[in-house]
């Protein structure tokens, strides 16, 4: 049987069984590549075939493809440090305990309910996030994934760079790496639709995430659109040459090591979730996006697995996809060795 055949069979089954309308993927192993584009870009209001090269709303992959590399560059340049308090850069946030490291590893304990959050204008929403959040007992004790951490990181980037975070990502990550079709303002005709919502109607070419939709260019947790080719460039450049030498070994190494301050081994590095290689236990990095995207990267073996799907179309109520994702992850980890 060809390598990755079971993984590919399970990917095809997701489309054949209607768990996702369409998908495009690449598995790479050194110079070898397995790739395909299948299914539908859109089911409603009319059917539209998924074309090779179409752009997907990456959702939370924005965090690791955009925000994390910029933060890493600023650390490398001495503009900030992992254990600096968040308050040093965002004085509106009044708790002095959470640090940059806590934001990156989702160990900040920052949480809080914002009434009518998705109806607030951008300035009010930002102020609410900075002034109405509290830090609970999970600080440095528990990993609790939350977008607020990356909203804060985006605003810290803005304070240091004096530009909107999404513009900084474009200038410092997308353009230097030659990710020519990646960006925050796609041509709707080239973008794969996401959800059909009661308030917004069919969402196409605009970020699905409600916070990202309100905050626009000031959102560091979501908003990036890209095609498969762009993410293959990013993934290969990260693990093969430290993003074309923009980062040093120390910072890329840090992405493949537990960076939490919680006692014992844990599964978060600088932005990425850590997975164990089944053969010798070395760490791989992975991240997912709500819209149906994922990346898994193995620096040691020069391997990667990138999938883009429109699992929230026409509705985000899709538990079957989450179950399939876990199964495919497990199959891939078994087959890659």
Protein backbone atom coordinates (compact mmCIF):
# COMPACT_ATOMS: atom_id res chain seq x y z
CA UNK A 1 0.00 0.00 0.00
CA UNK A 2 1.25 3.48 -0.87
CA UNK A 3 2.37 5.60 2.07
CA UNK A 4 -0.44 7.77 3.52
CA UNK A 5 -3.06 5.75 1.62
CA UNK A 6 -5.29 5.30 4.67
CA UNK A 7 -5.01 9.00 5.52
CA UNK A 8 -5.96 9.90 1.95
CA UNK A 9 -8.85 7.43 1.99
CA UNK A 10 -10.22 9.07 5.14
CA UNK A 11 -9.83 12.53 3.60
CA UNK A 12 -11.77 11.41 0.52
CA UNK A 13 -14.46 9.89 2.72
CA UNK A 14 -15.06 13.29 4.35
CA UNK A 15 -16.11 14.63 0.96
CA UNK A 16 -17.87 11.49 -0.25
CA UNK A 17 -19.98 11.34 2.93
CA UNK A 18 -20.78 15.07 2.88
CA UNK A 19 -18.96 15.82 6.12
CA UNK A 20 -17.27 18.71 4.29
CA UNK A 21 -18.48 20.11 0.97
CA UNK A 22 -14.95 20.29 -0.41
CA UNK A 23 -11.27 20.20 0.52
CA UNK A 24 -7.77 20.68 -0.76
CA UNK A 25 -4.76 19.14 0.94
CA UNK A 26 -1.07 18.44 0.68
CA UNK A 27 0.99 15.89 2.55
CA UNK A 28 4.71 16.37 2.03
CA UNK A 29 7.59 14.15 3.06
CA UNK A 30 10.91 15.65 2.03
CA UNK A 31 10.63 16.17 -1.72
CA UNK A 32 7.62 13.87 -2.12
CA UNK A 33 4.15 15.42 -2.19
CA UNK A 34 0.62 14.04 -2.20
CA UNK A 35 -2.06 16.58 -3.07
CA UNK A 36 -5.63 16.83 -4.34
CA UNK A 37 -8.56 19.24 -4.60
CA UNK A 38 -12.07 17.75 -4.43
CA UNK A 39 -15.69 18.62 -3.94
CA UNK A 40 -17.68 21.82 -3.77
CA UNK A 41 -16.75 25.37 -2.87
CA UNK A 42 -20.42 26.12 -2.29
CA UNK A 43 -23.62 24.13 -1.86
CA UNK A 44 -26.11 26.96 -1.32
CA UNK A 45 -27.69 29.02 -2.73
CA UNK A 46 -26.22 27.31 -5.82
CA UNK A 47 -23.59 24.62 -6.26
CA UNK A 48 -20.09 25.70 -7.28
CA UNK A 49 -17.14 23.37 -7.82
CA UNK A 50 -14.05 23.86 -5.69
CA UNK A 51 -11.25 25.04 -7.97
CA UNK A 52 -7.56 24.55 -7.36
CA UNK A 53 -6.03 27.73 -5.92
CA UNK A 54 -9.19 29.08 -4.29
CA UNK A 55 -8.70 31.01 -1.05
CA UNK A 56 -9.95 29.77 2.31
CA UNK A 57 -10.75 31.67 5.48
CA UNK A 58 -7.95 30.28 7.67
CA UNK A 59 -9.65 31.28 10.95
CA UNK A 60 -7.24 30.56 13.82
CA UNK A 61 -4.38 29.53 11.56
CA UNK A 62 -4.01 33.33 11.39
CA UNK A 63 -2.52 33.07 14.87
CA UNK A 64 0.41 30.84 13.92
CA UNK A 65 0.93 31.92 10.31
CA UNK A 66 0.73 35.66 11.03
CA UNK A 67 0.77 36.79 14.65
CA UNK A 68 3.25 34.29 16.11
CA UNK A 69 6.00 34.95 13.51
CA UNK A 70 5.70 38.71 14.05
CA UNK A 71 5.89 38.32 17.84
CA UNK A 72 8.92 36.03 17.38
CA UNK A 73 10.62 38.66 15.21
CA UNK A 74 9.97 41.35 17.83
CA UNK A 75 11.44 39.09 20.53
CA UNK A 76 14.47 38.45 18.32
CA UNK A 77 14.90 42.20 17.83
CA UNK A 78 14.73 42.84 21.59
CA UNK A 79 11.50 44.83 21.32
CA UNK A 80 9.77 42.61 23.87
CA UNK A 81 10.53 39.55 25.99
CA UNK A 82 8.58 36.37 26.70
CA UNK A 83 8.16 37.13 30.38
CA UNK A 84 7.28 40.81 30.06
CA UNK A 85 3.91 41.61 31.64
CA UNK A 86 1.09 42.28 29.19
CA UNK A 87 0.38 45.47 31.14
CA UNK A 88 3.73 46.92 30.05
CA UNK A 89 2.36 47.26 26.51
CA UNK A 90 -1.37 47.46 27.19
CA UNK A 91 -1.68 49.63 30.34
CA UNK A 92 -5.49 49.63 30.03
CA UNK A 93 -5.31 46.00 31.19
CA UNK A 94 -4.96 46.36 34.94
CA UNK A 95 -3.69 42.93 36.05
CA UNK A 96 0.11 42.86 36.22
CA UNK A 97 0.48 39.06 36.33
CA UNK A 98 -0.12 37.66 32.81
CA UNK A 99 2.88 37.78 30.46
CA UNK A 100 3.59 37.52 26.75
CA UNK A 101 4.41 33.84 27.37
CA UNK A 102 0.98 33.33 28.93
CA UNK A 103 -0.74 34.83 25.90
CA UNK A 104 1.25 32.68 23.47
CA UNK A 105 0.61 29.46 25.40
CA UNK A 106 -3.01 30.14 26.39
CA UNK A 107 -2.11 29.99 30.09
CA UNK A 108 -3.11 33.59 30.91
CA UNK A 109 -6.31 32.83 32.82
CA UNK A 110 -7.85 35.88 31.09
CA UNK A 111 -11.60 35.59 30.70
CA UNK A 112 -14.80 37.57 31.03
CA UNK A 113 -18.25 37.99 29.58
CA UNK A 114 -18.84 40.99 27.32
CA UNK A 115 -22.59 41.69 26.90
CA UNK A 116 -23.75 42.00 23.27
CA UNK A 117 -20.16 41.46 22.17
CA UNK A 118 -20.94 40.85 18.51
CA UNK A 119 -23.01 44.04 18.25
CA UNK A 120 -20.41 46.51 19.54
CA UNK A 121 -18.45 48.83 17.22
CA UNK A 122 -14.72 48.16 16.97
CA UNK A 123 -13.47 50.79 19.44
CA UNK A 124 -15.97 49.72 22.11
CA UNK A 125 -15.20 46.05 21.58
CA UNK A 126 -11.47 46.62 21.97
CA UNK A 127 -11.99 48.67 25.11
CA UNK A 128 -14.28 46.01 26.56
CA UNK A 129 -11.66 43.31 25.95
CA UNK A 130 -8.99 45.41 27.63
CA UNK A 131 -11.01 46.60 30.63
CA UNK A 132 -13.72 44.02 31.32
CA UNK A 133 -11.59 40.87 31.48
CA UNK A 134 -10.30 39.32 34.70
CA UNK A 135 -7.62 36.75 35.51
CA UNK A 136 -8.79 33.61 37.24
CA UNK A 137 -7.03 30.82 39.14
CA UNK A 138 -5.99 28.98 35.96
CA UNK A 139 -3.10 31.45 35.35
CA UNK A 140 0.03 29.29 34.88
CA UNK A 141 -1.99 26.27 36.03
CA UNK A 142 -4.08 25.31 33.02
CA UNK A 143 -4.04 25.62 29.22
CA UNK A 144 -7.34 27.18 28.17
CA UNK A 145 -7.44 28.09 24.50
CA UNK A 146 -8.95 31.56 24.02
CA UNK A 147 -8.93 34.12 21.21
CA UNK A 148 -8.51 36.98 23.70
CA UNK A 149 -4.85 36.02 24.08
CA UNK A 150 -4.19 36.70 20.41
CA UNK A 151 -6.28 39.84 20.32
CA UNK A 152 -3.92 41.15 23.01
CA UNK A 153 -0.84 40.00 21.08
CA UNK A 154 -2.15 41.79 18.00
CA UNK A 155 -2.62 45.02 19.92
CA UNK A 156 0.85 44.69 21.43
CA UNK A 157 2.23 44.39 17.88
CA UNK A 158 0.31 47.57 16.98
CA UNK A 159 1.79 49.49 19.94
CA UNK A 160 5.33 48.48 18.95
CA UNK A 161 4.98 48.85 15.17
CA UNK A 162 2.54 51.79 14.97
CA UNK A 163 0.49 50.01 12.30
CA UNK A 164 -2.55 47.72 12.25
CA UNK A 165 -1.51 44.17 13.07
CA UNK A 166 -2.79 42.79 9.76
CA UNK A 167 -0.68 45.30 7.82
CA UNK A 168 2.38 44.28 9.87
CA UNK A 169 1.69 40.60 9.06
CA UNK A 170 1.46 41.47 5.35
CA UNK A 171 4.73 43.40 5.38
CA UNK A 172 6.76 41.12 7.64
CA UNK A 173 5.48 37.63 6.81
CA UNK A 174 3.35 37.31 3.68
CA UNK A 175 5.37 39.48 1.28
CA UNK A 176 8.89 38.35 2.29
CA UNK A 177 7.90 34.67 1.97
CA UNK A 178 6.27 35.16 -1.42
CA UNK A 179 2.80 34.13 -0.21
CA UNK A 180 1.35 36.04 -3.12
CA UNK A 181 -2.33 35.10 -2.83
CA UNK A 182 -2.51 35.27 0.98
CA UNK A 183 -4.08 38.35 2.50
CA UNK A 184 -6.94 39.86 4.47
CA UNK A 185 -9.05 41.28 1.62
CA UNK A 186 -9.61 38.51 -0.94
CA UNK A 187 -11.52 38.78 -4.17
CA UNK A 188 -14.87 37.22 -3.17
CA UNK A 189 -14.99 35.31 -6.45
CA UNK A 190 -11.76 33.53 -5.48
CA UNK A 191 -12.76 32.94 -1.84
CA UNK A 192 -14.51 29.79 -0.64
CA UNK A 193 -17.81 30.65 1.12
CA UNK A 194 -18.20 29.84 4.79
CA UNK A 195 -21.43 29.96 6.77
CA UNK A 196 -24.86 31.26 5.79
CA UNK A 197 -25.90 33.26 8.86
CA UNK A 198 -29.20 34.85 9.76
CA UNK A 199 -27.72 38.31 10.25
CA UNK A 200 -24.97 38.37 7.61
CA UNK A 201 -26.38 36.07 4.97
CA UNK A 202 -23.91 34.02 2.89
CA UNK A 203 -20.39 34.93 4.05
CA UNK A 204 -17.90 35.06 1.20
CA UNK A 205 -14.63 36.98 1.07
CA UNK A 206 -15.19 38.34 4.58
CA UNK A 207 -13.85 36.84 7.79
CA UNK A 208 -16.26 34.40 9.43
CA UNK A 209 -15.13 35.11 12.99
CA UNK A 210 -17.45 37.76 14.51
CA UNK A 211 -14.66 39.49 16.45
CA UNK A 212 -12.52 39.60 13.35
CA UNK A 213 -15.43 40.98 11.35
CA UNK A 214 -15.88 43.87 13.80
CA UNK A 215 -12.21 44.61 14.49
CA UNK A 216 -11.06 44.35 10.88
CA UNK A 217 -7.35 45.10 10.41
CA UNK A 218 -6.88 45.26 14.19
CA UNK A 219 -7.54 41.54 14.74
CA UNK A 220 -4.62 39.18 15.37
CA UNK A 221 -6.62 36.01 16.05
CA UNK A 222 -8.40 35.54 12.69
CA UNK A 223 -8.92 37.16 9.30
CA UNK A 224 -6.24 35.71 7.02
CA UNK A 225 -7.24 34.10 3.71
CA UNK A 226 -4.89 31.89 1.74
CA UNK A 227 -4.71 29.10 -0.77
CA UNK A 228 -3.00 25.76 -0.26
CA UNK A 229 0.14 26.84 -2.11
CA UNK A 230 0.69 29.74 0.30
CA UNK A 231 0.50 27.48 3.34
CA UNK A 232 2.87 24.96 1.81
CA UNK A 233 5.35 27.80 1.32
CA UNK A 234 4.93 28.87 4.94
CA UNK A 235 5.13 25.35 6.38
CA UNK A 236 8.19 24.34 4.39
CA UNK A 237 9.99 27.62 5.03
CA UNK A 238 9.34 27.40 8.77
CA UNK A 239 10.75 23.90 9.20
CA UNK A 240 13.39 23.93 6.45
CA UNK A 241 15.07 27.35 6.76
CA UNK A 242 13.58 29.30 9.70
CA UNK A 243 11.23 31.33 7.49
CA UNK A 244 13.97 32.13 4.96
CA UNK A 245 16.30 33.07 7.80
CA UNK A 246 13.96 35.70 9.27
CA UNK A 247 14.03 33.79 12.57
CA UNK A 248 17.01 32.30 14.38
CA UNK A 249 17.37 28.69 15.49
CA UNK A 250 16.58 29.55 19.10
CA UNK A 251 13.14 30.93 18.32
CA UNK A 252 12.17 28.16 15.92
CA UNK A 253 13.44 25.61 18.45
CA UNK A 254 11.14 27.26 21.00
CA UNK A 255 8.15 26.50 18.78
CA UNK A 256 8.91 22.78 19.15
CA UNK A 257 9.25 22.77 22.95
CA UNK A 258 6.82 23.11 25.83
CA UNK A 259 6.80 26.82 26.73
CA UNK A 260 4.30 26.76 29.58
CA UNK A 261 5.34 27.34 33.19
CA UNK A 262 3.00 24.58 34.38
CA UNK A 263 4.83 21.78 36.20
CA UNK A 264 5.33 18.65 34.12
CA UNK A 265 5.25 18.30 30.31
CA UNK A 266 2.48 20.10 28.47
CA UNK A 267 1.33 20.54 24.91
CA UNK A 268 1.79 24.23 24.11
CA UNK A 269 4.77 25.97 22.58
CA UNK A 270 4.89 29.48 21.14
CA UNK A 271 1.41 29.46 19.64
CA UNK A 272 1.42 25.87 18.46
CA UNK A 273 -0.01 22.70 19.97
CA UNK A 274 2.57 19.96 20.40
CA UNK A 275 2.04 16.40 19.19
CA UNK A 276 4.32 13.42 19.87
CA UNK A 277 5.91 11.46 17.05
CA UNK A 278 4.87 7.84 17.49
CA UNK A 279 8.34 6.44 16.81
CA UNK A 280 10.72 8.39 19.06
CA UNK A 281 8.51 10.92 20.82
CA UNK A 282 9.98 14.08 19.29
CA UNK A 283 7.55 16.98 19.02
CA UNK A 284 5.54 17.99 15.97
CA UNK A 285 3.56 21.22 15.90
CA UNK A 286 -0.07 21.56 14.87
CA UNK A 287 -2.89 24.05 14.77
CA UNK A 288 -6.48 24.04 13.58
CA UNK A 289 -8.98 26.65 12.41
CA UNK A 290 -12.70 26.76 13.18
CA UNK A 291 -13.63 26.99 9.50
CA UNK A 292 -12.11 23.56 8.75
CA UNK A 293 -8.36 24.12 8.35
CA UNK A 294 -5.29 22.51 9.86
CA UNK A 295 -1.52 22.23 9.70
CA UNK A 296 0.85 19.62 11.15
CA UNK A 297 4.61 20.17 10.77
CA UNK A 298 7.55 17.91 11.65
CA UNK A 299 10.83 19.83 11.55
CA UNK A 300 13.02 16.84 12.39
CA UNK A 301 11.78 14.71 9.49
CA UNK A 302 10.82 17.51 7.03
CA UNK A 303 7.20 16.36 6.89
CA UNK A 304 3.92 18.22 6.86
CA UNK A 305 0.17 17.85 6.42
CA UNK A 306 -1.99 20.83 5.44
CA UNK A 307 -5.73 20.69 4.86
CA UNK A 308 -8.17 23.43 3.89
CA UNK A 309 -11.91 22.71 3.93
CA UNK A 310 -15.17 24.64 4.19
CA UNK A 311 -16.63 22.57 7.03
CA UNK A 312 -18.81 25.49 8.26
CA UNK A 313 -20.72 25.74 4.96
CA UNK A 314 -23.65 26.06 4.92
CA UNK A 315 -23.80 25.72 8.73
CA UNK A 316 -21.20 25.57 11.49
CA UNK A 317 -23.14 22.82 13.30
CA UNK A 318 -20.89 19.99 12.18
CA UNK A 319 -19.71 17.69 14.99
CA UNK A 320 -18.98 14.88 12.52
CA UNK A 321 -16.11 16.90 11.11
CA UNK A 322 -14.47 17.23 14.54
CA UNK A 323 -14.68 13.48 15.07
CA UNK A 324 -13.20 12.82 11.62
CA UNK A 325 -10.40 15.30 12.21
CA UNK A 326 -9.27 13.44 15.31
CA UNK A 327 -9.33 10.12 13.44
CA UNK A 328 -7.37 11.51 10.50
CA UNK A 329 -4.76 13.05 12.81
CA UNK A 330 -4.26 9.66 14.46
CA UNK A 331 -4.02 7.85 11.13
CA UNK A 332 -1.53 10.36 9.74
CA UNK A 333 0.70 10.12 12.83
CA UNK A 334 0.73 6.34 12.45
CA UNK A 335 1.43 6.38 8.69
CA UNK A 336 4.12 9.04 8.64
CA UNK A 337 6.76 6.81 10.24
